[in-house]
Structure formats: C-alpha cells, structure tokens
Amino acid sequence: MPEIRVLVDADCLHKLYLRTLLLTLATDGHMQLLWTEEIFQEAVQSLIARFPESNSKLRKKFKAIKEFFYETEVTGHEHLIGSLGCRDKNDEHVLAAAIQGRADVLLTFNLRDFPSTVHSQPEIVHPDIFLALWFTENTEVGISVLAKWLVRFKYPSIDSSSATALLKRLGCPNLALFIGANAVAIDECIRGLG
C-alpha cells in the first residue's frame, strides 16, 4: 500500500483523539505526516489557551512529536504565501506548506477558507472523509490500527462503542460508522493486544 503524504492543519491537531489516530497511522507507516513549525505553534497556543494548567505537558508533547517526525517538517514555503487565493489569509501558510511539501492531501475541518479549485495542488479534505475512505479501503489493516489507537487510552479506557460516540462528537460521523460496523473485530483485536 503506497504511503500517502498528508499535511495536517492545526484544527486536526487540537483534538487529542484525532491527533493520536493520525499519529498512529503515521508511526505505523501508513501515511507520511507533514507539518510546519507554524502549524504546530498554532495548535499548541490554542490548546494552552483552553488548558492553561497543561502548558508544560502540551509543550513537551508537541516537542516529542516534532522530534519524532523531524524529517517531514516542511520549510521554504513562505514565497507562496499571499498568492494562493485563500479566503482567510491566515490559512495561506497551510496551503503553501502543503504545496511545498508535495502533499497528496491537506487535512482540515476548515474547508470553506481554502480555494475550491486547486490546480496541481493537494486535495483539500475533511479528516472524516479522508479517514473513513482510508479505513474502508484498508479494512483489515485498519482494524489493527484502530485497536492500537484505542489501547493507548487507559484512563478512561476506550472500546469501539465509546470510540463511535466520541468520533461523532468530534465531527467524524463516517469514521464512527466504520468503527461501529467493525466493532466486534476491533474489540477482539484490542483484547489480543492487551
């Protein structure tokens, strides 16, 4: 299965469970996670604003992610900023990084602020659509990935039923449907990992 190059916008990194799933896919070699310092800083600052008591923990977490994925940091994209036609100019750096990094996909919840017609640029996709499609196309491997993802959470522990409800709340109903349809196999795989 070919590795897909995915630039992840900060809004996907804000959500612990989604971030952890994307990192699981990347560390298992199913996708190449592309990032920029600016995207990570935006995610960290937003999380610290919501959880100021976790300032140090959040900074350490993102530092560890950057160190692990140091080879996939995108740089040199600044020359593209201002020429891409994003509705919100603050999103230009994200699209510029995706283009510079030769991403196949730019994942974002914020589809409306990116140009609808993008030539020779990455596909701009909602994370729910991307993940539901990937797991549907890679069901057997996907069940294993989802089990690895879920066993990372101990307090509280999360099974497929909990994950389904959680993903619906996170704005990923299609992925929730996939997990619901494969709940027995996922939970069996979780037991095998335990």
C-alpha atoms as a PDB file:
ATOM      1  CA  MET A   1       0.000   0.000   0.000  1.00  0.00           C
ATOM      2  CA  PRO A   2       1.588   3.295  -1.046  1.00  0.00           C
ATOM      3  CA  GLU A   3       2.364   5.831   1.644  1.00  0.00           C
ATOM      4  CA  ILE A   4       0.301   8.984   1.273  1.00  0.00           C
ATOM      5  CA  ARG A   5       1.764  12.397   2.098  1.00  0.00           C
ATOM      6  CA  VAL A   6      -0.621  14.280   4.401  1.00  0.00           C
ATOM      7  CA  LEU A   7      -0.239  17.820   5.689  1.00  0.00           C
ATOM      8  CA  VAL A   8      -2.375  18.210   8.809  1.00  0.00           C
ATOM      9  CA  ASP A   9      -3.846  21.599   9.678  1.00  0.00           C
ATOM     10  CA  ALA A  10      -3.780  22.784  13.297  1.00  0.00           C
ATOM     11  CA  ASP A  11      -7.515  22.227  13.720  1.00  0.00           C
ATOM     12  CA  CYS A  12      -6.918  18.466  13.375  1.00  0.00           C
ATOM     13  CA  LEU A  13      -4.168  18.571  15.988  1.00  0.00           C
ATOM     14  CA  HIS A  14      -6.368  20.327  18.584  1.00  0.00           C
ATOM     15  CA  LYS A  15      -8.398  17.194  19.209  1.00  0.00           C
ATOM     16  CA  LEU A  16      -6.489  14.649  21.327  1.00  0.00           C
ATOM     17  CA  TYR A  17      -8.227  11.562  19.944  1.00  0.00           C
ATOM     18  CA  LEU A  18      -7.949  12.634  16.312  1.00  0.00           C
ATOM     19  CA  ARG A  19      -4.330  13.714  16.756  1.00  0.00           C
ATOM     20  CA  THR A  20      -3.495  10.362  18.327  1.00  0.00           C
ATOM     21  CA  LEU A  21      -5.176   8.456  15.483  1.00  0.00           C
ATOM     22  CA  LEU A  22      -3.262  10.443  12.858  1.00  0.00           C
ATOM     23  CA  LEU A  23      -0.003   9.868  14.741  1.00  0.00           C
ATOM     24  CA  THR A  24      -0.769   6.141  14.951  1.00  0.00           C
ATOM     25  CA  LEU A  25      -1.280   6.000  11.174  1.00  0.00           C
ATOM     26  CA  ALA A  26       1.974   7.886  10.641  1.00  0.00           C
ATOM     27  CA  THR A  27       4.123   5.916  13.086  1.00  0.00           C
ATOM     28  CA  ASP A  28       2.834   2.659  11.591  1.00  0.00           C
ATOM     29  CA  GLY A  29       3.949   3.894   8.142  1.00  0.00           C
ATOM     30  CA  HIS A  30       0.507   4.208   6.535  1.00  0.00           C
ATOM     31  CA  MET A  31       0.913   7.906   5.847  1.00  0.00           C
ATOM     32  CA  GLN A  32       3.658  10.472   5.946  1.00  0.00           C
ATOM     33  CA  LEU A  33       2.709  13.271   8.329  1.00  0.00           C
ATOM     34  CA  LEU A  34       3.845  16.671   7.026  1.00  0.00           C
ATOM     35  CA  TRP A  35       3.935  19.664   9.353  1.00  0.00           C
ATOM     36  CA  THR A  36       5.375  23.135   9.864  1.00  0.00           C
ATOM     37  CA  GLU A  37       6.558  24.920  12.966  1.00  0.00           C
ATOM     38  CA  GLU A  38       3.784  27.487  12.462  1.00  0.00           C
ATOM     39  CA  ILE A  39       1.046  24.823  12.338  1.00  0.00           C
ATOM     40  CA  PHE A  40       2.356  23.166  15.499  1.00  0.00           C
ATOM     41  CA  GLN A  41       2.666  26.511  17.296  1.00  0.00           C
ATOM     42  CA  GLU A  42      -0.902  27.400  16.339  1.00  0.00           C
ATOM     43  CA  ALA A  43      -2.141  24.072  17.740  1.00  0.00           C
ATOM     44  CA  VAL A  44      -0.107  24.401  20.954  1.00  0.00           C
ATOM     45  CA  GLN A  45      -1.185  28.003  21.595  1.00  0.00           C
ATOM     46  CA  SER A  46      -4.847  27.126  21.053  1.00  0.00           C
ATOM     47  CA  LEU A  47      -4.613  24.150  23.421  1.00  0.00           C
ATOM     48  CA  ILE A  48      -2.777  26.160  26.085  1.00  0.00           C
ATOM     49  CA  ALA A  49      -5.458  28.864  25.878  1.00  0.00           C
ATOM     50  CA  ARG A  50      -8.078  26.197  26.649  1.00  0.00           C
ATOM     51  CA  PHE A  51      -5.997  24.193  29.130  1.00  0.00           C
ATOM     52  CA  PRO A  52      -3.523  26.621  30.751  1.00  0.00           C
ATOM     53  CA  GLU A  53      -2.795  24.166  33.561  1.00  0.00           C
ATOM     54  CA  SER A  54      -1.349  21.761  30.944  1.00  0.00           C
ATOM     55  CA  ASN A  55       1.070  24.296  29.410  1.00  0.00           C
ATOM     56  CA  SER A  56       4.248  22.361  30.186  1.00  0.00           C
ATOM     57  CA  LYS A  57       2.754  18.970  29.318  1.00  0.00           C
ATOM     58  CA  LEU A  58       1.427  20.214  25.966  1.00  0.00           C
ATOM     59  CA  ARG A  59       4.737  21.809  25.012  1.00  0.00           C
ATOM     60  CA  LYS A  60       6.587  18.580  25.852  1.00  0.00           C
ATOM     61  CA  LYS A  61       4.079  16.524  23.865  1.00  0.00           C
ATOM     62  CA  PHE A  62       4.447  18.620  20.711  1.00  0.00           C
ATOM     63  CA  LYS A  63       8.233  18.805  21.132  1.00  0.00           C
ATOM     64  CA  ALA A  64       8.314  14.994  21.208  1.00  0.00           C
ATOM     65  CA  ILE A  65       6.116  14.813  18.091  1.00  0.00           C
ATOM     66  CA  LYS A  66       8.406  17.253  16.251  1.00  0.00           C
ATOM     67  CA  GLU A  67      11.493  15.290  17.270  1.00  0.00           C
ATOM     68  CA  PHE A  68       9.949  12.015  16.111  1.00  0.00           C
ATOM     69  CA  PHE A  69       8.769  13.449  12.780  1.00  0.00           C
ATOM     70  CA  TYR A  70      11.737  15.798  12.246  1.00  0.00           C
ATOM     71  CA  GLU A  71      12.326  14.505   8.698  1.00  0.00           C
ATOM     72  CA  THR A  72       8.876  15.562   7.480  1.00  0.00           C
ATOM     73  CA  GLU A  73       8.897  19.204   8.538  1.00  0.00           C
ATOM     74  CA  VAL A  74       8.069  21.455   5.588  1.00  0.00           C
ATOM     75  CA  THR A  75      10.135  24.621   5.175  1.00  0.00           C
ATOM     76  CA  GLY A  76      10.714  27.086   2.350  1.00  0.00           C
ATOM     77  CA  HIS A  77       7.019  27.601   1.617  1.00  0.00           C
ATOM     78  CA  GLU A  78       6.900  31.281   2.582  1.00  0.00           C
ATOM     79  CA  HIS A  79       7.330  32.518  -1.015  1.00  0.00           C
ATOM     80  CA  LEU A  80       3.907  31.066  -1.901  1.00  0.00           C
ATOM     81  CA  ILE A  81       2.029  32.878   0.873  1.00  0.00           C
ATOM     82  CA  GLY A  82      -0.272  35.593  -0.441  1.00  0.00           C
ATOM     83  CA  SER A  83      -0.704  34.119  -3.914  1.00  0.00           C
ATOM     84  CA  LEU A  84      -2.983  31.146  -3.299  1.00  0.00           C
ATOM     85  CA  GLY A  85      -6.449  32.697  -3.015  1.00  0.00           C
ATOM     86  CA  CYS A  86      -7.411  31.505   0.438  1.00  0.00           C
ATOM     87  CA  ARG A  87     -10.487  33.232   1.806  1.00  0.00           C
ATOM     88  CA  ASP A  88      -8.767  33.682   5.172  1.00  0.00           C
ATOM     89  CA  LYS A  89      -5.228  34.932   4.587  1.00  0.00           C
ATOM     90  CA  ASN A  90      -4.158  33.263   7.841  1.00  0.00           C
ATOM     91  CA  ASP A  91      -4.649  29.914   6.063  1.00  0.00           C
ATOM     92  CA  GLU A  92      -2.265  30.731   3.212  1.00  0.00           C
ATOM     93  CA  HIS A  93       0.712  29.301   5.125  1.00  0.00           C
ATOM     94  CA  VAL A  94      -1.071  25.940   5.453  1.00  0.00           C
ATOM     95  CA  LEU A  95      -1.815  25.588   1.734  1.00  0.00           C
ATOM     96  CA  ALA A  96       1.655  26.922   0.872  1.00  0.00           C
ATOM     97  CA  ALA A  97       3.233  24.252   3.085  1.00  0.00           C
ATOM     98  CA  ALA A  98       1.089  21.529   1.511  1.00  0.00           C
ATOM     99  CA  ILE A  99       2.200  22.604  -1.963  1.00  0.00           C
ATOM    100  CA  GLN A 100       5.868  22.983  -0.994  1.00  0.00           C
ATOM    101  CA  GLY A 101       5.814  19.625   0.803  1.00  0.00           C
ATOM    102  CA  ARG A 102       4.231  17.914  -2.202  1.00  0.00           C
ATOM    103  CA  ALA A 103       1.362  16.693  -0.030  1.00  0.00           C
ATOM    104  CA  ASP A 104      -1.207  14.437  -1.626  1.00  0.00           C
ATOM    105  CA  VAL A 105      -3.791  15.628   0.890  1.00  0.00           C
ATOM    106  CA  LEU A 106      -4.284  18.639   3.143  1.00  0.00           C
ATOM    107  CA  LEU A 107      -6.482  17.652   6.093  1.00  0.00           C
ATOM    108  CA  THR A 108      -8.596  20.406   7.624  1.00  0.00           C
ATOM    109  CA  PHE A 109     -12.008  20.917   9.197  1.00  0.00           C
ATOM    110  CA  ASN A 110     -11.951  24.410   7.699  1.00  0.00           C
ATOM    111  CA  LEU A 111     -12.715  23.615   4.045  1.00  0.00           C
ATOM    112  CA  ARG A 112     -14.571  26.857   3.326  1.00  0.00           C
ATOM    113  CA  ASP A 113     -11.488  29.080   3.668  1.00  0.00           C
ATOM    114  CA  PHE A 114      -9.470  27.232   1.042  1.00  0.00           C
ATOM    115  CA  PRO A 115      -9.931  27.671  -2.718  1.00  0.00           C
ATOM    116  CA  SER A 116     -12.473  25.259  -4.196  1.00  0.00           C
ATOM    117  CA  THR A 117     -10.488  24.783  -7.392  1.00  0.00           C
ATOM    118  CA  VAL A 118      -6.885  23.929  -6.813  1.00  0.00           C
ATOM    119  CA  HIS A 119      -4.715  23.009  -9.792  1.00  0.00           C
ATOM    120  CA  SER A 120      -1.648  20.809  -9.321  1.00  0.00           C
ATOM    121  CA  GLN A 121      -2.036  21.175  -5.586  1.00  0.00           C
ATOM    122  CA  PRO A 122      -3.036  18.743  -2.857  1.00  0.00           C
ATOM    123  CA  GLU A 123      -6.579  17.575  -2.421  1.00  0.00           C
ATOM    124  CA  ILE A 124      -8.139  19.531   0.462  1.00  0.00           C
ATOM    125  CA  VAL A 125     -10.181  17.083   2.513  1.00  0.00           C
ATOM    126  CA  HIS A 126     -12.149  16.969   5.745  1.00  0.00           C
ATOM    127  CA  PRO A 127     -10.460  14.496   8.133  1.00  0.00           C
ATOM    128  CA  ASP A 128     -13.650  12.436   8.472  1.00  0.00           C
ATOM    129  CA  ILE A 129     -13.857  11.864   4.707  1.00  0.00           C
ATOM    130  CA  PHE A 130     -10.159  11.038   4.436  1.00  0.00           C
ATOM    131  CA  LEU A 131     -10.125   8.638   7.394  1.00  0.00           C
ATOM    132  CA  ALA A 132     -13.400   6.883   6.539  1.00  0.00           C
ATOM    133  CA  LEU A 133     -12.167   6.299   2.982  1.00  0.00           C
ATOM    134  CA  TRP A 134      -8.711   5.128   4.099  1.00  0.00           C
ATOM    135  CA  PHE A 135     -10.123   2.673   6.651  1.00  0.00           C
ATOM    136  CA  THR A 136     -12.729   1.398   4.182  1.00  0.00           C
ATOM    137  CA  GLU A 137     -10.052   0.780   1.535  1.00  0.00           C
ATOM    138  CA  ASN A 138      -7.719  -0.838   4.087  1.00  0.00           C
ATOM    139  CA  THR A 139     -10.192  -2.588   6.368  1.00  0.00           C
ATOM    140  CA  GLU A 140      -8.027  -5.460   7.614  1.00  0.00           C
ATOM    141  CA  VAL A 141      -5.017  -3.275   8.401  1.00  0.00           C
ATOM    142  CA  GLY A 142      -7.364  -0.525   9.569  1.00  0.00           C
ATOM    143  CA  ILE A 143      -8.904  -2.726  12.248  1.00  0.00           C
ATOM    144  CA  SER A 144      -5.414  -3.345  13.631  1.00  0.00           C
ATOM    145  CA  VAL A 145      -4.567   0.371  13.506  1.00  0.00           C
ATOM    146  CA  LEU A 146      -7.790   1.284  15.295  1.00  0.00           C
ATOM    147  CA  ALA A 147      -7.106  -1.290  18.008  1.00  0.00           C
ATOM    148  CA  LYS A 148      -3.570   0.113  18.514  1.00  0.00           C
ATOM    149  CA  TRP A 149      -5.070   3.601  18.688  1.00  0.00           C
ATOM    150  CA  LEU A 150      -7.687   2.657  21.263  1.00  0.00           C
ATOM    151  CA  VAL A 151      -5.333   0.755  23.595  1.00  0.00           C
ATOM    152  CA  ARG A 152      -3.291   3.951  24.009  1.00  0.00           C
ATOM    153  CA  PHE A 153      -6.093   5.328  26.177  1.00  0.00           C
ATOM    154  CA  LYS A 154      -6.088   3.882  29.677  1.00  0.00           C
ATOM    155  CA  TYR A 155      -7.843   6.417  31.917  1.00  0.00           C
ATOM    156  CA  PRO A 156     -10.549   6.004  30.857  1.00  0.00           C
ATOM    157  CA  SER A 157     -10.129   3.037  28.561  1.00  0.00           C
ATOM    158  CA  ILE A 158     -11.970   3.248  25.246  1.00  0.00           C
ATOM    159  CA  ASP A 159     -13.591   0.412  23.334  1.00  0.00           C
ATOM    160  CA  SER A 160     -15.120   0.596  19.866  1.00  0.00           C
ATOM    161  CA  SER A 161     -18.527   1.615  21.229  1.00  0.00           C
ATOM    162  CA  SER A 162     -17.022   4.540  23.158  1.00  0.00           C
ATOM    163  CA  ALA A 163     -14.920   5.485  20.123  1.00  0.00           C
ATOM    164  CA  THR A 164     -18.013   5.606  17.919  1.00  0.00           C
ATOM    165  CA  ALA A 165     -19.751   8.104  20.211  1.00  0.00           C
ATOM    166  CA  LEU A 166     -16.555  10.083  20.664  1.00  0.00           C
ATOM    167  CA  LEU A 167     -15.884  10.423  16.929  1.00  0.00           C
ATOM    168  CA  LYS A 168     -19.421  11.604  16.267  1.00  0.00           C
ATOM    169  CA  ARG A 169     -18.862  14.400  18.800  1.00  0.00           C
ATOM    170  CA  LEU A 170     -15.531  15.256  17.129  1.00  0.00           C
ATOM    171  CA  GLY A 171     -17.227  15.743  13.758  1.00  0.00           C
ATOM    172  CA  CYS A 172     -16.204  12.400  12.241  1.00  0.00           C
ATOM    173  CA  PRO A 173     -19.526  10.545  11.763  1.00  0.00           C
ATOM    174  CA  ASN A 174     -18.355   8.493   8.768  1.00  0.00           C
ATOM    175  CA  LEU A 175     -15.371   7.118  10.661  1.00  0.00           C
ATOM    176  CA  ALA A 176     -17.723   6.413  13.574  1.00  0.00           C
ATOM    177  CA  LEU A 177     -19.914   4.365  11.195  1.00  0.00           C
ATOM    178  CA  PHE A 178     -16.885   2.361  10.042  1.00  0.00           C
ATOM    179  CA  ILE A 179     -15.896   1.611  13.628  1.00  0.00           C
ATOM    180  CA  GLY A 180     -19.464   0.664  14.530  1.00  0.00           C
ATOM    181  CA  ALA A 181     -19.659  -1.728  11.570  1.00  0.00           C
ATOM    182  CA  ASN A 182     -16.356  -3.359  12.594  1.00  0.00           C
ATOM    183  CA  ALA A 183     -16.744  -3.159  16.379  1.00  0.00           C
ATOM    184  CA  VAL A 184     -16.535  -6.901  17.058  1.00  0.00           C
ATOM    185  CA  ALA A 185     -13.283  -7.282  15.084  1.00  0.00           C
ATOM    186  CA  ILE A 186     -11.761  -4.138  16.621  1.00  0.00           C
ATOM    187  CA  ASP A 187     -12.592  -5.190  20.186  1.00  0.00           C
ATOM    188  CA  GLU A 188     -11.238  -8.688  19.513  1.00  0.00           C
ATOM    189  CA  CYS A 189      -8.007  -7.129  18.224  1.00  0.00           C
ATOM    190  CA  ILE A 190      -7.844  -4.903  21.336  1.00  0.00           C
ATOM    191  CA  ARG A 191      -8.108  -7.999  23.553  1.00  0.00           C
ATOM    192  CA  GLY A 192      -5.261  -9.560  21.568  1.00  0.00           C
ATOM    193  CA  LEU A 193      -3.067  -6.525  22.265  1.00  0.00           C
ATOM    194  CA  GLY A 194      -3.877  -6.446  25.992  1.00  0.00           C
END
